[in-house]
């Protein structure tokens, strides 16, 4: 099943940011938000990482580095 066809299949991760969902794919985790297009991929990270809210403080295109 494609993520774009069923964007609600990911797990909600409110501790990482507003409206963030996570979907595992192999050894990687895709973090996304549902949008009218229907999704926006925010991050793809290796599942072995210790992922917390610090990884999501500044979103691409919203300032920061």
C-alpha atoms as a PDB file:
ATOM      1  CA  UNK A   1       0.000   0.000   0.000  1.00  0.00           C
ATOM      2  CA  UNK A   2       1.426   3.415  -0.938  1.00  0.00           C
ATOM      3  CA  UNK A   3       1.736   6.099   1.710  1.00  0.00           C
ATOM      4  CA  UNK A   4       0.027   8.635  -0.561  1.00  0.00           C
ATOM      5  CA  UNK A   5      -3.061   6.414  -0.799  1.00  0.00           C
ATOM      6  CA  UNK A   6      -3.351   5.856   2.962  1.00  0.00           C
ATOM      7  CA  UNK A   7      -1.475   8.601   4.840  1.00  0.00           C
ATOM      8  CA  UNK A   8      -3.044   7.622   8.168  1.00  0.00           C
ATOM      9  CA  UNK A   9      -1.202   4.283   8.309  1.00  0.00           C
ATOM     10  CA  UNK A  10       1.830   5.773  10.070  1.00  0.00           C
ATOM     11  CA  UNK A  11       2.143   6.031  13.832  1.00  0.00           C
ATOM     12  CA  UNK A  12       1.489   9.453  15.349  1.00  0.00           C
ATOM     13  CA  UNK A  13       4.596  10.923  17.033  1.00  0.00           C
ATOM     14  CA  UNK A  14       3.379  14.017  18.915  1.00  0.00           C
ATOM     15  CA  UNK A  15       6.624  14.231  20.915  1.00  0.00           C
ATOM     16  CA  UNK A  16       8.500  15.036  17.698  1.00  0.00           C
ATOM     17  CA  UNK A  17       6.292  17.839  16.441  1.00  0.00           C
ATOM     18  CA  UNK A  18       2.799  18.842  15.462  1.00  0.00           C
ATOM     19  CA  UNK A  19       1.059  16.340  13.139  1.00  0.00           C
ATOM     20  CA  UNK A  20       4.180  14.181  12.705  1.00  0.00           C
ATOM     21  CA  UNK A  21       3.674  10.546  11.731  1.00  0.00           C
ATOM     22  CA  UNK A  22       6.274   7.811  11.346  1.00  0.00           C
ATOM     23  CA  UNK A  23       6.317   4.860   8.969  1.00  0.00           C
ATOM     24  CA  UNK A  24       9.100   2.246   9.020  1.00  0.00           C
ATOM     25  CA  UNK A  25      10.529   0.958   5.750  1.00  0.00           C
ATOM     26  CA  UNK A  26      13.274  -1.620   6.123  1.00  0.00           C
ATOM     27  CA  UNK A  27      15.980  -0.100   8.325  1.00  0.00           C
ATOM     28  CA  UNK A  28      14.709   3.426   7.790  1.00  0.00           C
ATOM     29  CA  UNK A  29      11.968   5.532   9.340  1.00  0.00           C
ATOM     30  CA  UNK A  30      10.037   8.061   7.282  1.00  0.00           C
ATOM     31  CA  UNK A  31       8.620  11.018   9.186  1.00  0.00           C
ATOM     32  CA  UNK A  32       5.847  12.908   7.447  1.00  0.00           C
ATOM     33  CA  UNK A  33       2.803  15.143   7.792  1.00  0.00           C
ATOM     34  CA  UNK A  34      -0.537  14.746   6.078  1.00  0.00           C
ATOM     35  CA  UNK A  35      -1.197  17.647   3.706  1.00  0.00           C
ATOM     36  CA  UNK A  36      -3.727  18.339   0.957  1.00  0.00           C
ATOM     37  CA  UNK A  37      -1.220  16.849  -1.573  1.00  0.00           C
ATOM     38  CA  UNK A  38      -1.595  14.240   0.512  1.00  0.00           C
ATOM     39  CA  UNK A  39       1.733  14.000   2.437  1.00  0.00           C
ATOM     40  CA  UNK A  40       4.965  15.915   2.988  1.00  0.00           C
ATOM     41  CA  UNK A  41       8.033  13.848   3.857  1.00  0.00           C
ATOM     42  CA  UNK A  42       9.912  15.747   6.561  1.00  0.00           C
ATOM     43  CA  UNK A  43      12.763  13.374   7.406  1.00  0.00           C
ATOM     44  CA  UNK A  44      14.052   9.910   6.520  1.00  0.00           C
ATOM     45  CA  UNK A  45      16.349   8.566   9.214  1.00  0.00           C
ATOM     46  CA  UNK A  46      18.092   5.287   9.975  1.00  0.00           C
ATOM     47  CA  UNK A  47      16.187   3.310  12.579  1.00  0.00           C
ATOM     48  CA  UNK A  48      19.307   2.695  14.708  1.00  0.00           C
ATOM     49  CA  UNK A  49      19.513   6.390  15.610  1.00  0.00           C
ATOM     50  CA  UNK A  50      18.295   7.684  18.954  1.00  0.00           C
ATOM     51  CA  UNK A  51      15.579   9.966  17.564  1.00  0.00           C
ATOM     52  CA  UNK A  52      14.029  12.655  19.738  1.00  0.00           C
ATOM     53  CA  UNK A  53      12.464  16.092  19.456  1.00  0.00           C
ATOM     54  CA  UNK A  54      15.887  17.751  19.016  1.00  0.00           C
ATOM     55  CA  UNK A  55      16.092  16.171  15.553  1.00  0.00           C
ATOM     56  CA  UNK A  56      12.934  18.081  14.606  1.00  0.00           C
ATOM     57  CA  UNK A  57      13.444  21.518  16.175  1.00  0.00           C
ATOM     58  CA  UNK A  58      13.913  23.312  12.832  1.00  0.00           C
ATOM     59  CA  UNK A  59      12.114  22.045   9.757  1.00  0.00           C
ATOM     60  CA  UNK A  60      13.571  22.510   6.276  1.00  0.00           C
ATOM     61  CA  UNK A  61      12.602  25.899   4.884  1.00  0.00           C
ATOM     62  CA  UNK A  62      11.676  27.277   8.312  1.00  0.00           C
ATOM     63  CA  UNK A  63      14.968  28.913   9.287  1.00  0.00           C
ATOM     64  CA  UNK A  64      17.892  27.544  11.234  1.00  0.00           C
ATOM     65  CA  UNK A  65      21.092  26.399   9.531  1.00  0.00           C
END
